[in-house]
N, C-alpha and C. Protein backbone atom coordinates (compact mmCIF):
# COMPACT_ATOMS: atom_id res chain seq x y z
N UNK A 1 17.84 12.00 6.05
CA UNK A 1 18.46 13.12 5.37
C UNK A 1 17.47 14.24 5.17
N UNK A 2 16.70 14.54 6.17
CA UNK A 2 15.74 15.58 6.01
C UNK A 2 16.36 16.94 5.83
N UNK A 3 17.58 17.11 6.26
CA UNK A 3 18.21 18.42 6.10
C UNK A 3 18.46 18.80 4.65
N UNK A 4 18.44 17.85 3.75
CA UNK A 4 18.62 18.07 2.31
C UNK A 4 17.33 18.41 1.59
N UNK A 5 16.20 18.38 2.29
CA UNK A 5 14.92 18.59 1.63
C UNK A 5 14.47 20.04 1.74
N UNK A 6 13.84 20.52 0.71
CA UNK A 6 13.32 21.84 0.71
C UNK A 6 11.79 21.78 0.65
N UNK A 7 11.10 22.24 1.71
CA UNK A 7 9.64 22.18 1.66
C UNK A 7 9.04 23.15 0.65
N UNK A 8 8.03 22.68 -0.04
CA UNK A 8 7.32 23.50 -1.04
C UNK A 8 5.84 23.37 -0.72
N UNK A 9 5.19 24.51 -0.41
CA UNK A 9 3.76 24.47 -0.10
C UNK A 9 2.95 24.74 -1.36
N UNK A 10 1.93 23.92 -1.61
CA UNK A 10 1.15 24.01 -2.81
C UNK A 10 -0.31 24.13 -2.34
N UNK A 11 -1.00 25.14 -2.87
CA UNK A 11 -2.41 25.34 -2.59
C UNK A 11 -3.17 24.89 -3.81
N UNK A 12 -4.23 24.06 -3.56
CA UNK A 12 -4.99 23.51 -4.66
C UNK A 12 -6.48 23.71 -4.34
N UNK A 13 -7.23 24.23 -5.28
CA UNK A 13 -8.71 24.30 -5.17
C UNK A 13 -9.25 23.44 -6.29
N UNK A 14 -10.17 22.52 -5.92
CA UNK A 14 -10.65 21.60 -6.94
C UNK A 14 -12.01 21.13 -6.55
N UNK A 15 -12.88 20.90 -7.52
CA UNK A 15 -14.18 20.33 -7.26
C UNK A 15 -14.59 19.51 -8.47
N UNK A 16 -15.31 18.43 -8.22
CA UNK A 16 -15.79 17.58 -9.33
C UNK A 16 -17.24 17.22 -9.03
N UNK A 17 -18.13 17.51 -9.92
CA UNK A 17 -19.51 17.25 -9.73
C UNK A 17 -19.94 15.90 -10.28
N UNK A 18 -19.07 15.11 -10.83
CA UNK A 18 -19.47 13.87 -11.48
C UNK A 18 -19.18 12.67 -10.66
N UNK A 19 -18.56 12.78 -9.48
CA UNK A 19 -18.29 11.58 -8.69
C UNK A 19 -18.22 11.97 -7.20
N UNK A 20 -17.90 11.02 -6.38
CA UNK A 20 -17.89 11.24 -4.97
C UNK A 20 -16.51 11.64 -4.46
N UNK A 21 -15.64 12.00 -5.30
CA UNK A 21 -14.28 12.37 -4.99
C UNK A 21 -14.34 13.64 -4.11
N UNK A 22 -13.72 13.64 -2.97
CA UNK A 22 -13.87 14.77 -2.09
C UNK A 22 -12.55 15.21 -1.50
N UNK A 23 -11.75 15.93 -2.24
CA UNK A 23 -10.54 16.51 -1.68
C UNK A 23 -10.89 17.57 -0.67
N UNK A 24 -9.95 17.93 0.19
CA UNK A 24 -10.19 19.01 1.13
C UNK A 24 -10.24 20.30 0.35
N UNK A 25 -11.18 21.21 0.65
CA UNK A 25 -11.37 22.44 -0.11
C UNK A 25 -10.92 23.62 0.70
N UNK A 26 -9.93 24.35 0.42
CA UNK A 26 -8.73 23.96 -0.32
C UNK A 26 -7.85 23.12 0.57
N UNK A 27 -6.89 22.42 -0.01
CA UNK A 27 -5.97 21.69 0.84
C UNK A 27 -4.54 22.20 0.60
N UNK A 28 -3.66 21.97 1.52
CA UNK A 28 -2.30 22.33 1.37
C UNK A 28 -1.49 21.01 1.38
N UNK A 29 -0.71 20.87 0.31
CA UNK A 29 0.12 19.65 0.18
C UNK A 29 1.56 20.13 0.40
N UNK A 30 2.20 19.44 1.34
CA UNK A 30 3.59 19.75 1.60
C UNK A 30 4.45 18.74 0.83
N UNK A 31 5.06 19.16 -0.19
CA UNK A 31 5.92 18.28 -1.00
C UNK A 31 7.35 18.60 -0.69
N UNK A 32 8.24 17.70 -1.06
CA UNK A 32 9.65 17.96 -0.81
C UNK A 32 10.43 17.78 -2.10
N UNK A 33 11.21 18.76 -2.39
CA UNK A 33 12.16 18.68 -3.49
C UNK A 33 13.48 18.24 -2.86
N UNK A 34 14.09 17.23 -3.43
CA UNK A 34 15.30 16.69 -2.85
C UNK A 34 16.32 16.40 -3.97
N UNK A 35 17.60 16.62 -3.66
CA UNK A 35 18.63 16.27 -4.67
C UNK A 35 18.71 14.76 -4.85
N UNK A 36 18.16 13.98 -3.91
CA UNK A 36 18.17 12.51 -3.98
C UNK A 36 17.12 12.00 -4.93
N UNK A 37 16.22 12.85 -5.47
CA UNK A 37 15.17 12.41 -6.30
C UNK A 37 15.52 12.40 -7.77
N UNK A 38 16.79 12.12 -8.06
CA UNK A 38 17.24 12.10 -9.48
C UNK A 38 16.54 10.99 -10.27
N UNK A 39 16.21 9.90 -9.65
CA UNK A 39 15.47 8.80 -10.32
C UNK A 39 14.05 8.93 -9.86
N UNK A 40 13.20 9.48 -10.69
CA UNK A 40 11.80 9.71 -10.30
C UNK A 40 11.03 8.42 -10.44
N UNK A 41 10.21 8.13 -9.46
CA UNK A 41 9.28 6.98 -9.52
C UNK A 41 8.20 7.38 -10.52
N UNK A 42 7.72 6.39 -11.24
CA UNK A 42 6.71 6.65 -12.30
C UNK A 42 5.35 6.17 -11.87
N UNK A 43 4.34 7.05 -12.06
CA UNK A 43 2.95 6.77 -11.68
C UNK A 43 2.08 6.93 -12.97
N UNK A 44 1.21 5.92 -13.16
CA UNK A 44 0.21 6.06 -14.23
C UNK A 44 -1.14 6.19 -13.52
N UNK A 45 -1.82 7.26 -13.83
CA UNK A 45 -3.21 7.52 -13.29
C UNK A 45 -4.18 7.17 -14.43
N UNK A 46 -5.15 6.32 -14.09
CA UNK A 46 -6.16 5.88 -15.10
C UNK A 46 -7.52 6.14 -14.53
N UNK A 47 -8.24 7.03 -15.18
CA UNK A 47 -9.61 7.40 -14.78
C UNK A 47 -10.32 7.96 -15.96
N UNK A 48 -11.61 7.62 -16.15
CA UNK A 48 -12.35 8.19 -17.31
C UNK A 48 -12.72 9.61 -17.06
N UNK A 49 -12.61 10.13 -15.84
CA UNK A 49 -12.85 11.56 -15.53
C UNK A 49 -11.52 12.29 -15.78
N UNK A 50 -11.34 12.98 -16.87
CA UNK A 50 -10.10 13.64 -17.19
C UNK A 50 -9.74 14.68 -16.13
N UNK A 51 -10.68 15.30 -15.48
CA UNK A 51 -10.38 16.30 -14.45
C UNK A 51 -9.67 15.64 -13.25
N UNK A 52 -10.05 14.41 -12.92
CA UNK A 52 -9.40 13.69 -11.86
C UNK A 52 -7.97 13.27 -12.24
N UNK A 53 -7.82 12.88 -13.48
CA UNK A 53 -6.47 12.54 -13.99
C UNK A 53 -5.58 13.78 -13.85
N UNK A 54 -6.06 14.93 -14.33
CA UNK A 54 -5.30 16.15 -14.29
C UNK A 54 -4.96 16.58 -12.83
N UNK A 55 -5.89 16.44 -11.94
CA UNK A 55 -5.63 16.75 -10.52
C UNK A 55 -4.56 15.87 -9.98
N UNK A 56 -4.68 14.57 -10.19
CA UNK A 56 -3.66 13.64 -9.66
C UNK A 56 -2.32 13.92 -10.29
N UNK A 57 -2.27 14.20 -11.57
CA UNK A 57 -1.02 14.49 -12.24
C UNK A 57 -0.38 15.76 -11.58
N UNK A 58 -1.16 16.77 -11.33
CA UNK A 58 -0.64 17.99 -10.68
C UNK A 58 -0.08 17.66 -9.27
N UNK A 59 -0.85 16.96 -8.50
CA UNK A 59 -0.45 16.64 -7.12
C UNK A 59 0.81 15.74 -7.10
N UNK A 60 0.84 14.73 -7.88
CA UNK A 60 1.96 13.78 -7.86
C UNK A 60 3.21 14.44 -8.45
N UNK A 61 3.06 15.25 -9.51
CA UNK A 61 4.24 15.93 -10.07
C UNK A 61 4.82 16.90 -8.99
N UNK A 62 3.94 17.62 -8.28
CA UNK A 62 4.38 18.53 -7.25
C UNK A 62 5.11 17.78 -6.16
N UNK A 63 4.79 16.54 -5.93
CA UNK A 63 5.39 15.72 -4.91
C UNK A 63 6.72 15.07 -5.45
N UNK A 64 7.06 15.28 -6.70
CA UNK A 64 8.31 14.83 -7.23
C UNK A 64 8.29 13.52 -8.03
N UNK A 65 7.12 13.16 -8.54
CA UNK A 65 7.00 11.95 -9.31
C UNK A 65 6.84 12.26 -10.82
N UNK A 66 7.21 11.28 -11.63
CA UNK A 66 6.95 11.36 -13.09
C UNK A 66 5.57 10.76 -13.24
N UNK A 67 4.64 11.49 -13.85
CA UNK A 67 3.27 11.05 -13.93
C UNK A 67 2.73 11.09 -15.34
N UNK A 68 2.02 10.03 -15.70
CA UNK A 68 1.32 10.02 -16.97
C UNK A 68 -0.14 9.69 -16.68
N UNK A 69 -1.04 10.09 -17.59
CA UNK A 69 -2.47 9.83 -17.38
C UNK A 69 -3.09 9.14 -18.57
N UNK A 70 -4.06 8.32 -18.30
CA UNK A 70 -4.88 7.64 -19.32
C UNK A 70 -6.37 7.77 -18.96
N UNK A 71 -7.21 7.86 -19.99
CA UNK A 71 -8.61 8.07 -19.69
C UNK A 71 -9.47 6.84 -19.96
N UNK A 72 -8.80 5.70 -20.32
CA UNK A 72 -9.53 4.45 -20.49
C UNK A 72 -8.52 3.30 -20.36
N UNK A 73 -9.08 2.09 -20.27
CA UNK A 73 -8.26 0.90 -20.06
C UNK A 73 -7.35 0.57 -21.24
N UNK A 74 -7.85 0.74 -22.44
CA UNK A 74 -7.01 0.43 -23.61
C UNK A 74 -5.82 1.36 -23.71
N UNK A 75 -6.06 2.63 -23.46
CA UNK A 75 -4.95 3.60 -23.47
C UNK A 75 -3.94 3.28 -22.37
N UNK A 76 -4.41 2.87 -21.21
CA UNK A 76 -3.51 2.52 -20.12
C UNK A 76 -2.64 1.34 -20.50
N UNK A 77 -3.25 0.30 -21.05
CA UNK A 77 -2.47 -0.90 -21.43
C UNK A 77 -1.42 -0.55 -22.48
N UNK A 78 -1.78 0.32 -23.45
CA UNK A 78 -0.82 0.75 -24.45
C UNK A 78 0.35 1.47 -23.79
N UNK A 79 0.06 2.39 -22.87
CA UNK A 79 1.10 3.15 -22.21
C UNK A 79 2.00 2.26 -21.38
N UNK A 80 1.44 1.21 -20.78
CA UNK A 80 2.26 0.27 -19.98
C UNK A 80 3.23 -0.47 -20.86
N UNK A 81 2.81 -0.83 -22.10
CA UNK A 81 3.76 -1.53 -22.98
C UNK A 81 4.92 -0.63 -23.40
N UNK A 82 4.64 0.69 -23.44
CA UNK A 82 5.72 1.64 -23.80
C UNK A 82 6.68 1.85 -22.64
N UNK A 83 6.13 1.94 -21.43
CA UNK A 83 6.98 2.22 -20.26
C UNK A 83 6.20 1.72 -19.01
N UNK A 84 6.84 0.77 -18.26
CA UNK A 84 6.20 0.21 -17.08
C UNK A 84 6.30 1.19 -15.93
N UNK A 85 5.17 1.58 -15.37
CA UNK A 85 5.20 2.51 -14.17
C UNK A 85 5.56 1.77 -12.94
N UNK A 86 5.93 2.48 -11.87
CA UNK A 86 6.18 1.87 -10.60
C UNK A 86 4.87 1.66 -9.82
N UNK A 87 3.87 2.47 -10.12
CA UNK A 87 2.60 2.38 -9.46
C UNK A 87 1.50 2.83 -10.43
N UNK A 88 0.36 2.12 -10.41
CA UNK A 88 -0.78 2.46 -11.21
C UNK A 88 -1.94 2.80 -10.27
N UNK A 89 -2.50 4.00 -10.41
CA UNK A 89 -3.68 4.40 -9.69
C UNK A 89 -4.83 4.21 -10.65
N UNK A 90 -5.66 3.19 -10.40
CA UNK A 90 -6.59 2.69 -11.41
C UNK A 90 -8.06 2.77 -10.96
N UNK A 91 -8.86 3.55 -11.66
CA UNK A 91 -10.27 3.67 -11.36
C UNK A 91 -10.95 2.35 -11.65
N UNK A 92 -11.85 1.92 -10.79
CA UNK A 92 -12.62 0.69 -10.98
C UNK A 92 -13.69 0.82 -12.02
N UNK A 93 -14.50 1.86 -11.90
CA UNK A 93 -15.70 1.99 -12.77
C UNK A 93 -15.41 2.91 -13.94
N UNK A 94 -15.05 2.27 -15.06
CA UNK A 94 -14.84 3.00 -16.34
C UNK A 94 -15.70 2.36 -17.36
N UNK A 95 -16.16 3.16 -18.36
CA UNK A 95 -16.88 2.56 -19.45
C UNK A 95 -15.99 1.72 -20.33
N UNK A 96 -16.56 0.77 -21.03
CA UNK A 96 -15.74 -0.12 -21.84
C UNK A 96 -15.07 -1.15 -20.96
N UNK A 97 -13.74 -1.08 -20.90
CA UNK A 97 -12.97 -1.97 -20.06
C UNK A 97 -12.93 -1.41 -18.64
N UNK A 98 -13.41 -2.16 -17.68
CA UNK A 98 -13.41 -1.66 -16.28
C UNK A 98 -11.98 -1.76 -15.73
N UNK A 99 -11.81 -1.10 -14.60
CA UNK A 99 -10.52 -1.15 -13.95
C UNK A 99 -10.12 -2.52 -13.52
N UNK A 100 -11.12 -3.29 -13.10
CA UNK A 100 -10.86 -4.66 -12.68
C UNK A 100 -10.35 -5.51 -13.87
N UNK A 101 -10.97 -5.30 -15.05
CA UNK A 101 -10.47 -6.02 -16.27
C UNK A 101 -9.07 -5.56 -16.62
N UNK A 102 -8.79 -4.26 -16.50
CA UNK A 102 -7.47 -3.74 -16.81
C UNK A 102 -6.48 -4.35 -15.86
N UNK A 103 -6.80 -4.39 -14.57
CA UNK A 103 -5.89 -4.94 -13.56
C UNK A 103 -5.59 -6.44 -13.87
N UNK A 104 -6.63 -7.20 -14.21
CA UNK A 104 -6.46 -8.61 -14.54
C UNK A 104 -5.52 -8.78 -15.77
N UNK A 105 -5.75 -7.94 -16.78
CA UNK A 105 -4.90 -8.00 -17.99
C UNK A 105 -3.44 -7.65 -17.69
N UNK A 106 -3.23 -6.66 -16.81
CA UNK A 106 -1.85 -6.26 -16.47
C UNK A 106 -1.16 -7.45 -15.82
N UNK A 107 -1.83 -8.06 -14.86
CA UNK A 107 -1.24 -9.19 -14.11
C UNK A 107 -1.01 -10.37 -15.03
N UNK A 108 -1.84 -10.62 -16.05
CA UNK A 108 -1.66 -11.70 -16.97
C UNK A 108 -0.58 -11.45 -18.03
N UNK A 109 -0.55 -10.24 -18.58
CA UNK A 109 0.34 -9.93 -19.68
C UNK A 109 1.76 -9.58 -19.23
N UNK A 110 1.94 -9.01 -18.08
CA UNK A 110 3.23 -8.52 -17.64
C UNK A 110 3.69 -9.28 -16.40
N UNK A 111 4.29 -10.43 -16.63
CA UNK A 111 4.70 -11.33 -15.53
C UNK A 111 5.87 -10.73 -14.74
N UNK A 112 6.72 -9.95 -15.37
CA UNK A 112 7.83 -9.36 -14.68
C UNK A 112 7.62 -7.85 -14.57
N UNK A 113 8.33 -7.23 -13.69
CA UNK A 113 8.25 -5.77 -13.45
C UNK A 113 6.77 -5.34 -13.26
N UNK A 114 6.05 -6.16 -12.53
CA UNK A 114 4.62 -5.81 -12.33
C UNK A 114 4.59 -4.68 -11.33
N UNK A 115 3.84 -3.62 -11.67
CA UNK A 115 3.75 -2.47 -10.77
C UNK A 115 2.83 -2.70 -9.60
N UNK A 116 2.90 -1.86 -8.63
CA UNK A 116 1.95 -1.83 -7.53
C UNK A 116 0.65 -1.26 -8.15
N UNK A 117 -0.46 -1.93 -7.92
CA UNK A 117 -1.77 -1.45 -8.47
C UNK A 117 -2.65 -1.03 -7.29
N UNK A 118 -3.00 0.24 -7.23
CA UNK A 118 -3.88 0.79 -6.23
C UNK A 118 -5.18 1.17 -6.92
N UNK A 119 -6.21 0.38 -6.65
CA UNK A 119 -7.54 0.67 -7.22
C UNK A 119 -8.13 1.90 -6.50
N UNK A 120 -8.86 2.67 -7.32
CA UNK A 120 -9.35 3.98 -6.85
C UNK A 120 -10.83 4.06 -7.29
N UNK A 121 -11.73 4.05 -6.31
CA UNK A 121 -13.13 3.93 -6.65
C UNK A 121 -14.11 4.70 -5.75
N UNK A 122 -15.22 5.07 -6.33
CA UNK A 122 -16.32 5.63 -5.54
C UNK A 122 -17.20 4.56 -4.98
N UNK A 123 -17.02 3.31 -5.42
CA UNK A 123 -17.79 2.15 -5.02
C UNK A 123 -17.06 1.38 -3.90
N UNK A 124 -17.55 1.51 -2.69
CA UNK A 124 -16.86 0.91 -1.54
C UNK A 124 -17.51 -0.38 -1.10
N UNK A 125 -18.21 -1.07 -1.96
CA UNK A 125 -18.89 -2.31 -1.58
C UNK A 125 -17.84 -3.44 -1.41
N UNK A 126 -18.13 -4.40 -0.56
CA UNK A 126 -17.24 -5.52 -0.33
C UNK A 126 -16.98 -6.29 -1.62
N UNK A 127 -18.04 -6.42 -2.49
CA UNK A 127 -17.86 -7.14 -3.76
C UNK A 127 -16.79 -6.45 -4.62
N UNK A 128 -16.82 -5.12 -4.66
CA UNK A 128 -15.83 -4.39 -5.47
C UNK A 128 -14.41 -4.64 -4.92
N UNK A 129 -14.25 -4.57 -3.62
CA UNK A 129 -12.95 -4.83 -2.99
C UNK A 129 -12.48 -6.25 -3.30
N UNK A 130 -13.39 -7.21 -3.15
CA UNK A 130 -13.04 -8.62 -3.36
C UNK A 130 -12.66 -8.85 -4.80
N UNK A 131 -13.45 -8.33 -5.78
CA UNK A 131 -13.14 -8.51 -7.17
C UNK A 131 -11.84 -7.82 -7.57
N UNK A 132 -11.56 -6.66 -6.99
CA UNK A 132 -10.31 -5.97 -7.26
C UNK A 132 -9.10 -6.75 -6.80
N UNK A 133 -9.14 -7.25 -5.61
CA UNK A 133 -8.07 -8.07 -5.04
C UNK A 133 -7.89 -9.36 -5.86
N UNK A 134 -9.01 -9.98 -6.22
CA UNK A 134 -8.92 -11.19 -7.01
C UNK A 134 -8.33 -10.98 -8.35
N UNK A 135 -8.50 -9.81 -8.93
CA UNK A 135 -7.93 -9.48 -10.24
C UNK A 135 -6.45 -9.18 -10.17
N UNK A 136 -5.95 -9.02 -8.95
CA UNK A 136 -4.51 -8.77 -8.80
C UNK A 136 -4.15 -7.40 -8.22
N UNK A 137 -5.12 -6.63 -7.79
CA UNK A 137 -4.86 -5.30 -7.22
C UNK A 137 -4.15 -5.52 -5.85
N UNK A 138 -3.26 -4.62 -5.52
CA UNK A 138 -2.59 -4.68 -4.23
C UNK A 138 -3.37 -4.05 -3.12
N UNK A 139 -4.15 -3.04 -3.45
CA UNK A 139 -4.96 -2.33 -2.42
C UNK A 139 -6.05 -1.54 -3.13
N UNK A 140 -6.96 -1.04 -2.35
CA UNK A 140 -8.05 -0.21 -2.86
C UNK A 140 -8.25 0.98 -1.92
N UNK A 141 -8.50 2.11 -2.52
CA UNK A 141 -8.76 3.36 -1.77
C UNK A 141 -9.97 4.00 -2.40
N UNK A 142 -10.81 4.63 -1.60
CA UNK A 142 -12.01 5.25 -2.14
C UNK A 142 -11.72 6.67 -2.60
N UNK A 143 -12.58 7.16 -3.49
CA UNK A 143 -12.47 8.53 -3.97
C UNK A 143 -12.90 9.54 -2.91
N UNK A 144 -13.46 9.07 -1.84
CA UNK A 144 -13.79 9.99 -0.74
C UNK A 144 -12.55 10.35 0.11
N UNK A 145 -11.44 9.65 -0.18
CA UNK A 145 -10.20 9.93 0.52
C UNK A 145 -9.67 11.32 0.11
N UNK A 146 -9.30 12.14 1.04
CA UNK A 146 -8.77 13.45 0.66
C UNK A 146 -7.46 13.29 -0.13
N UNK A 147 -7.26 14.25 -1.07
CA UNK A 147 -6.13 14.17 -1.97
C UNK A 147 -4.80 14.17 -1.20
N UNK A 148 -4.71 14.90 -0.11
CA UNK A 148 -3.49 14.93 0.64
C UNK A 148 -3.16 13.53 1.22
N UNK A 149 -4.21 12.82 1.68
CA UNK A 149 -4.01 11.48 2.19
C UNK A 149 -3.63 10.54 1.08
N UNK A 150 -4.26 10.64 -0.11
CA UNK A 150 -3.94 9.82 -1.22
C UNK A 150 -2.46 10.00 -1.60
N UNK A 151 -2.01 11.24 -1.66
CA UNK A 151 -0.63 11.56 -1.98
C UNK A 151 0.30 10.92 -0.94
N UNK A 152 -0.05 11.00 0.29
CA UNK A 152 0.76 10.40 1.38
C UNK A 152 0.86 8.91 1.29
N UNK A 153 -0.30 8.30 0.97
CA UNK A 153 -0.30 6.82 0.83
C UNK A 153 0.51 6.38 -0.37
N UNK A 154 0.37 7.04 -1.47
CA UNK A 154 1.18 6.72 -2.67
C UNK A 154 2.69 6.89 -2.36
N UNK A 155 3.05 7.96 -1.72
CA UNK A 155 4.42 8.22 -1.32
C UNK A 155 4.97 7.11 -0.44
N UNK A 156 4.20 6.68 0.51
CA UNK A 156 4.58 5.58 1.42
C UNK A 156 4.77 4.29 0.66
N UNK A 157 3.84 3.96 -0.24
CA UNK A 157 3.89 2.73 -0.99
C UNK A 157 5.17 2.73 -1.87
N UNK A 158 5.43 3.85 -2.55
CA UNK A 158 6.60 3.93 -3.47
C UNK A 158 7.89 3.89 -2.67
N UNK A 159 7.90 4.48 -1.48
CA UNK A 159 9.13 4.52 -0.67
C UNK A 159 9.42 3.21 -0.01
N UNK A 160 8.36 2.44 0.34
CA UNK A 160 8.59 1.25 1.15
C UNK A 160 8.52 -0.06 0.38
N UNK A 161 8.01 -0.02 -0.83
CA UNK A 161 7.82 -1.27 -1.59
C UNK A 161 9.17 -1.83 -2.01
N UNK A 162 9.44 -3.07 -1.62
CA UNK A 162 10.69 -3.71 -1.92
C UNK A 162 10.78 -4.16 -3.37
N UNK A 163 9.63 -4.32 -4.04
CA UNK A 163 9.70 -4.89 -5.41
C UNK A 163 9.86 -3.78 -6.46
N UNK A 164 9.80 -2.50 -6.06
CA UNK A 164 9.82 -1.43 -7.06
C UNK A 164 11.26 -1.01 -7.28
């Protein structure tokens, strides 16, 4: 039903000096507004870098999702108890409770309606990947991934996941 979609071009300029996150400078995101999007998929972005949370919120909202942000693991767990998201974009390396610990707690505490968990990290070591998957993450993507690709991957996961 592509004929019912209206393309919307969004220009974003962004830079972050505190991590290895490397969006395309500037990038163009082609989002689609559709009358079929009356039931918005929910995304929770969890990262201790508030600028990254804000960027992801902007990008995902522009793509037609309902997005909330948390800047630490405790806040994320509290938000999940209030409303279960369809997907969680979860930073691995956070002070206090790490993303791996948050992921493990989500999988232990919420046996039903468990969301898709996409770990998001600047640390691309095999150990980080293994620990993330062992904690219950569904996948891992690095912060070196361009924002447009991240948005496309999230969109594909939300559109194709049978459990959501």
